[in-house]
Amino acid sequence: MSQASGTYHHGDLRAACLRAARELLEEDGSSGLSLRAVARRAGVSATAPYRHYADRDALVSAVAAEGYRELAGHLAAAHPSPTTPDELAAVADAYVRFALGHPALFRVMFAEPCDPTSEERVRATAAISEYVRDIVRNAFPGTD
């Protein structure tokens, strides 16, 4: 069995590709992010990532979606349902700390072209948008 085909069956290919993409982002920013580089980092054949990602935009969308889910977790951990200005400030602080702690991921989430039809990304952005709307409604009743 070849190395490439043997390593494909190492576990969850999708998760391995996302991990590899995140590592590459932290090291080189988005300029070094390609499906070929992700495959090399994950130890799989150059074509293996295409089983889950049609192209670079699809991969970037999946990374961004993962980032949105992580950001939502950080915000909720700061305060799940803020109702006072101080609680809202704690959520804002968590947002800034996330951005500063994950600058390359944050850029991918908010500045990198993504696949606008990615259901995963659309769901993740909708969830965080709804969370932000809810915290504003809770902290400032009567606003929409």
C-alpha atoms as a PDB file:
ATOM      1  CA  MET A   1       0.000   0.000   0.000  1.00  0.00           C
ATOM      2  CA  SER A   2       1.416   3.401  -0.906  1.00  0.00           C
ATOM      3  CA  GLN A   3       2.072   6.062   1.701  1.00  0.00           C
ATOM      4  CA  ALA A   4      -0.602   8.338   0.232  1.00  0.00           C
ATOM      5  CA  SER A   5      -3.362   5.737   0.239  1.00  0.00           C
ATOM      6  CA  GLY A   6      -2.298   4.400   3.628  1.00  0.00           C
ATOM      7  CA  THR A   7      -2.372   7.809   5.263  1.00  0.00           C
ATOM      8  CA  TYR A   8      -5.803   8.634   3.861  1.00  0.00           C
ATOM      9  CA  HIS A   9      -7.342   6.058   6.169  1.00  0.00           C
ATOM     10  CA  HIS A  10      -5.670   7.524   9.243  1.00  0.00           C
ATOM     11  CA  GLY A  11      -8.946   8.843  10.641  1.00  0.00           C
ATOM     12  CA  ASP A  12     -11.148  11.814   9.945  1.00  0.00           C
ATOM     13  CA  LEU A  13      -9.810  13.373   6.739  1.00  0.00           C
ATOM     14  CA  ARG A  14     -12.010  16.444   7.004  1.00  0.00           C
ATOM     15  CA  ALA A  15     -10.798  17.202  10.535  1.00  0.00           C
ATOM     16  CA  ALA A  16      -7.189  16.517   9.535  1.00  0.00           C
ATOM     17  CA  CYS A  17      -7.493  18.974   6.639  1.00  0.00           C
ATOM     18  CA  LEU A  18      -9.014  21.640   8.883  1.00  0.00           C
ATOM     19  CA  ARG A  19      -6.240  21.139  11.452  1.00  0.00           C
ATOM     20  CA  ALA A  20      -3.612  21.388   8.738  1.00  0.00           C
ATOM     21  CA  ALA A  21      -5.237  24.512   7.299  1.00  0.00           C
ATOM     22  CA  ARG A  22      -5.302  26.161  10.735  1.00  0.00           C
ATOM     23  CA  GLU A  23      -1.623  25.329  11.284  1.00  0.00           C
ATOM     24  CA  LEU A  24      -0.701  26.771   7.890  1.00  0.00           C
ATOM     25  CA  LEU A  25      -2.720  29.911   8.612  1.00  0.00           C
ATOM     26  CA  GLU A  26      -0.895  30.468  11.887  1.00  0.00           C
ATOM     27  CA  GLU A  27       2.499  29.961  10.231  1.00  0.00           C
ATOM     28  CA  ASP A  28       2.112  31.751   6.899  1.00  0.00           C
ATOM     29  CA  GLY A  29      -1.229  33.523   6.857  1.00  0.00           C
ATOM     30  CA  SER A  30      -3.730  32.874   4.125  1.00  0.00           C
ATOM     31  CA  SER A  31      -1.183  33.301   1.329  1.00  0.00           C
ATOM     32  CA  GLY A  32       0.268  29.866   2.118  1.00  0.00           C
ATOM     33  CA  LEU A  33      -3.110  28.170   2.245  1.00  0.00           C
ATOM     34  CA  SER A  34      -3.824  25.829  -0.649  1.00  0.00           C
ATOM     35  CA  LEU A  35      -5.372  22.391  -0.938  1.00  0.00           C
ATOM     36  CA  ARG A  36      -1.984  21.009  -1.977  1.00  0.00           C
ATOM     37  CA  ALA A  37      -0.265  22.524   1.074  1.00  0.00           C
ATOM     38  CA  VAL A  38      -3.045  21.209   3.319  1.00  0.00           C
ATOM     39  CA  ALA A  39      -2.651  17.719   1.844  1.00  0.00           C
ATOM     40  CA  ARG A  40       1.100  17.826   2.366  1.00  0.00           C
ATOM     41  CA  ARG A  41       0.689  18.993   5.988  1.00  0.00           C
ATOM     42  CA  ALA A  42      -2.003  16.383   6.705  1.00  0.00           C
ATOM     43  CA  GLY A  43       0.128  13.623   5.187  1.00  0.00           C
ATOM     44  CA  VAL A  44      -2.388  12.633   2.530  1.00  0.00           C
ATOM     45  CA  SER A  45      -2.347  12.538  -1.252  1.00  0.00           C
ATOM     46  CA  ALA A  46      -2.659  15.844  -3.093  1.00  0.00           C
ATOM     47  CA  THR A  47      -6.155  14.911  -4.240  1.00  0.00           C
ATOM     48  CA  ALA A  48      -7.504  13.686  -0.882  1.00  0.00           C
ATOM     49  CA  PRO A  49      -8.738  17.109   0.349  1.00  0.00           C
ATOM     50  CA  TYR A  50     -10.943  17.342  -2.740  1.00  0.00           C
ATOM     51  CA  ARG A  51     -13.127  14.619  -1.190  1.00  0.00           C
ATOM     52  CA  HIS A  52     -14.393  17.322   1.180  1.00  0.00           C
ATOM     53  CA  TYR A  53     -13.504  20.652  -0.455  1.00  0.00           C
ATOM     54  CA  ALA A  54     -14.216  21.481  -4.094  1.00  0.00           C
ATOM     55  CA  ASP A  55     -11.633  24.263  -4.114  1.00  0.00           C
ATOM     56  CA  ARG A  56      -9.677  26.694  -1.939  1.00  0.00           C
ATOM     57  CA  ASP A  57     -12.762  28.857  -1.330  1.00  0.00           C
ATOM     58  CA  ALA A  58     -14.622  25.842   0.065  1.00  0.00           C
ATOM     59  CA  LEU A  59     -11.707  25.085   2.393  1.00  0.00           C
ATOM     60  CA  VAL A  60     -11.497  28.721   3.501  1.00  0.00           C
ATOM     61  CA  SER A  61     -15.251  28.700   4.128  1.00  0.00           C
ATOM     62  CA  ALA A  62     -14.927  25.623   6.339  1.00  0.00           C
ATOM     63  CA  VAL A  63     -12.059  27.216   8.284  1.00  0.00           C
ATOM     64  CA  ALA A  64     -14.081  30.426   8.670  1.00  0.00           C
ATOM     65  CA  ALA A  65     -17.113  28.451   9.885  1.00  0.00           C
ATOM     66  CA  GLU A  66     -14.949  26.727  12.473  1.00  0.00           C
ATOM     67  CA  GLY A  67     -13.691  30.151  13.539  1.00  0.00           C
ATOM     68  CA  TYR A  68     -17.225  31.518  13.899  1.00  0.00           C
ATOM     69  CA  ARG A  69     -18.166  28.556  16.095  1.00  0.00           C
ATOM     70  CA  GLU A  70     -15.076  29.105  18.257  1.00  0.00           C
ATOM     71  CA  LEU A  71     -15.786  32.823  18.512  1.00  0.00           C
ATOM     72  CA  ALA A  72     -19.369  32.109  19.575  1.00  0.00           C
ATOM     73  CA  GLY A  73     -18.038  29.803  22.274  1.00  0.00           C
ATOM     74  CA  HIS A  74     -15.633  32.474  23.543  1.00  0.00           C
ATOM     75  CA  LEU A  75     -18.383  35.081  23.639  1.00  0.00           C
ATOM     76  CA  ALA A  76     -20.808  32.778  25.425  1.00  0.00           C
ATOM     77  CA  ALA A  77     -18.099  31.822  27.925  1.00  0.00           C
ATOM     78  CA  ALA A  78     -17.563  35.513  28.718  1.00  0.00           C
ATOM     79  CA  HIS A  79     -21.251  35.829  29.488  1.00  0.00           C
ATOM     80  CA  PRO A  80     -24.007  33.682  27.962  1.00  0.00           C
ATOM     81  CA  SER A  81     -26.769  36.278  28.151  1.00  0.00           C
ATOM     82  CA  PRO A  82     -25.516  39.743  29.094  1.00  0.00           C
ATOM     83  CA  THR A  83     -28.093  42.266  30.261  1.00  0.00           C
ATOM     84  CA  THR A  84     -25.960  45.031  31.776  1.00  0.00           C
ATOM     85  CA  PRO A  85     -23.346  47.288  30.201  1.00  0.00           C
ATOM     86  CA  ASP A  86     -20.603  45.590  32.252  1.00  0.00           C
ATOM     87  CA  GLU A  87     -21.671  42.155  31.052  1.00  0.00           C
ATOM     88  CA  LEU A  88     -21.804  43.449  27.485  1.00  0.00           C
ATOM     89  CA  ALA A  89     -18.305  44.886  27.952  1.00  0.00           C
ATOM     90  CA  ALA A  90     -17.100  41.424  29.020  1.00  0.00           C
ATOM     91  CA  VAL A  91     -18.448  39.996  25.762  1.00  0.00           C
ATOM     92  CA  ALA A  92     -16.809  42.792  23.745  1.00  0.00           C
ATOM     93  CA  ASP A  93     -13.533  42.114  25.559  1.00  0.00           C
ATOM     94  CA  ALA A  94     -13.802  38.409  24.700  1.00  0.00           C
ATOM     95  CA  TYR A  95     -14.341  39.359  21.041  1.00  0.00           C
ATOM     96  CA  VAL A  96     -11.199  41.503  20.986  1.00  0.00           C
ATOM     97  CA  ARG A  97      -9.158  38.849  22.830  1.00  0.00           C
ATOM     98  CA  PHE A  98     -10.266  36.253  20.277  1.00  0.00           C
ATOM     99  CA  ALA A  99      -9.235  38.540  17.396  1.00  0.00           C
ATOM    100  CA  LEU A 100      -5.851  39.277  18.967  1.00  0.00           C
ATOM    101  CA  GLY A 101      -5.267  35.645  19.888  1.00  0.00           C
ATOM    102  CA  HIS A 102      -6.137  34.304  16.425  1.00  0.00           C
ATOM    103  CA  PRO A 103      -5.267  37.078  13.948  1.00  0.00           C
ATOM    104  CA  ALA A 104      -4.892  34.861  10.876  1.00  0.00           C
ATOM    105  CA  LEU A 105      -8.135  33.014  11.600  1.00  0.00           C
ATOM    106  CA  PHE A 106      -9.918  36.305  12.263  1.00  0.00           C
ATOM    107  CA  ARG A 107      -8.740  37.662   8.890  1.00  0.00           C
ATOM    108  CA  VAL A 108     -10.026  34.520   7.165  1.00  0.00           C
ATOM    109  CA  MET A 109     -13.368  34.922   8.921  1.00  0.00           C
ATOM    110  CA  PHE A 110     -13.856  38.573   8.019  1.00  0.00           C
ATOM    111  CA  ALA A 111     -11.572  39.523   5.124  1.00  0.00           C
ATOM    112  CA  GLU A 112     -10.811  36.462   3.012  1.00  0.00           C
ATOM    113  CA  PRO A 113     -13.011  35.606   0.019  1.00  0.00           C
ATOM    114  CA  CYS A 114     -15.080  32.522   0.835  1.00  0.00           C
ATOM    115  CA  ASP A 115     -17.645  30.397  -0.910  1.00  0.00           C
ATOM    116  CA  PRO A 116     -20.854  32.409  -0.384  1.00  0.00           C
ATOM    117  CA  THR A 117     -22.946  29.276  -0.902  1.00  0.00           C
ATOM    118  CA  SER A 118     -21.212  27.247   1.826  1.00  0.00           C
ATOM    119  CA  GLU A 119     -24.076  26.016   4.014  1.00  0.00           C
ATOM    120  CA  GLU A 120     -21.704  25.392   6.914  1.00  0.00           C
ATOM    121  CA  ARG A 121     -20.374  28.953   6.795  1.00  0.00           C
ATOM    122  CA  VAL A 122     -23.851  30.434   6.325  1.00  0.00           C
ATOM    123  CA  ARG A 123     -25.146  28.503   9.377  1.00  0.00           C
ATOM    124  CA  ALA A 124     -22.141  29.520  11.497  1.00  0.00           C
ATOM    125  CA  THR A 125     -22.421  33.209  10.584  1.00  0.00           C
ATOM    126  CA  ALA A 126     -26.185  33.155  11.134  1.00  0.00           C
ATOM    127  CA  ALA A 127     -25.723  31.638  14.594  1.00  0.00           C
ATOM    128  CA  ILE A 128     -23.200  34.241  15.692  1.00  0.00           C
ATOM    129  CA  SER A 129     -25.261  37.064  14.170  1.00  0.00           C
ATOM    130  CA  GLU A 130     -28.316  35.876  16.094  1.00  0.00           C
ATOM    131  CA  TYR A 131     -26.257  35.668  19.296  1.00  0.00           C
ATOM    132  CA  VAL A 132     -25.069  39.267  18.822  1.00  0.00           C
ATOM    133  CA  ARG A 133     -28.625  40.459  18.094  1.00  0.00           C
ATOM    134  CA  ASP A 134     -29.838  38.690  21.236  1.00  0.00           C
ATOM    135  CA  ILE A 135     -27.201  40.243  23.465  1.00  0.00           C
ATOM    136  CA  VAL A 136     -27.967  43.713  22.112  1.00  0.00           C
ATOM    137  CA  ARG A 137     -31.709  43.143  22.691  1.00  0.00           C
ATOM    138  CA  ASN A 138     -31.022  41.902  26.236  1.00  0.00           C
ATOM    139  CA  ALA A 139     -28.624  44.702  27.111  1.00  0.00           C
ATOM    140  CA  PHE A 140     -30.718  47.420  25.464  1.00  0.00           C
ATOM    141  CA  PRO A 141     -34.412  46.456  25.632  1.00  0.00           C
ATOM    142  CA  GLY A 142     -36.585  48.044  22.970  1.00  0.00           C
ATOM    143  CA  THR A 143     -33.902  48.010  20.270  1.00  0.00           C
ATOM    144  CA  ASP A 144     -33.987  45.953  17.097  1.00  0.00           C
END
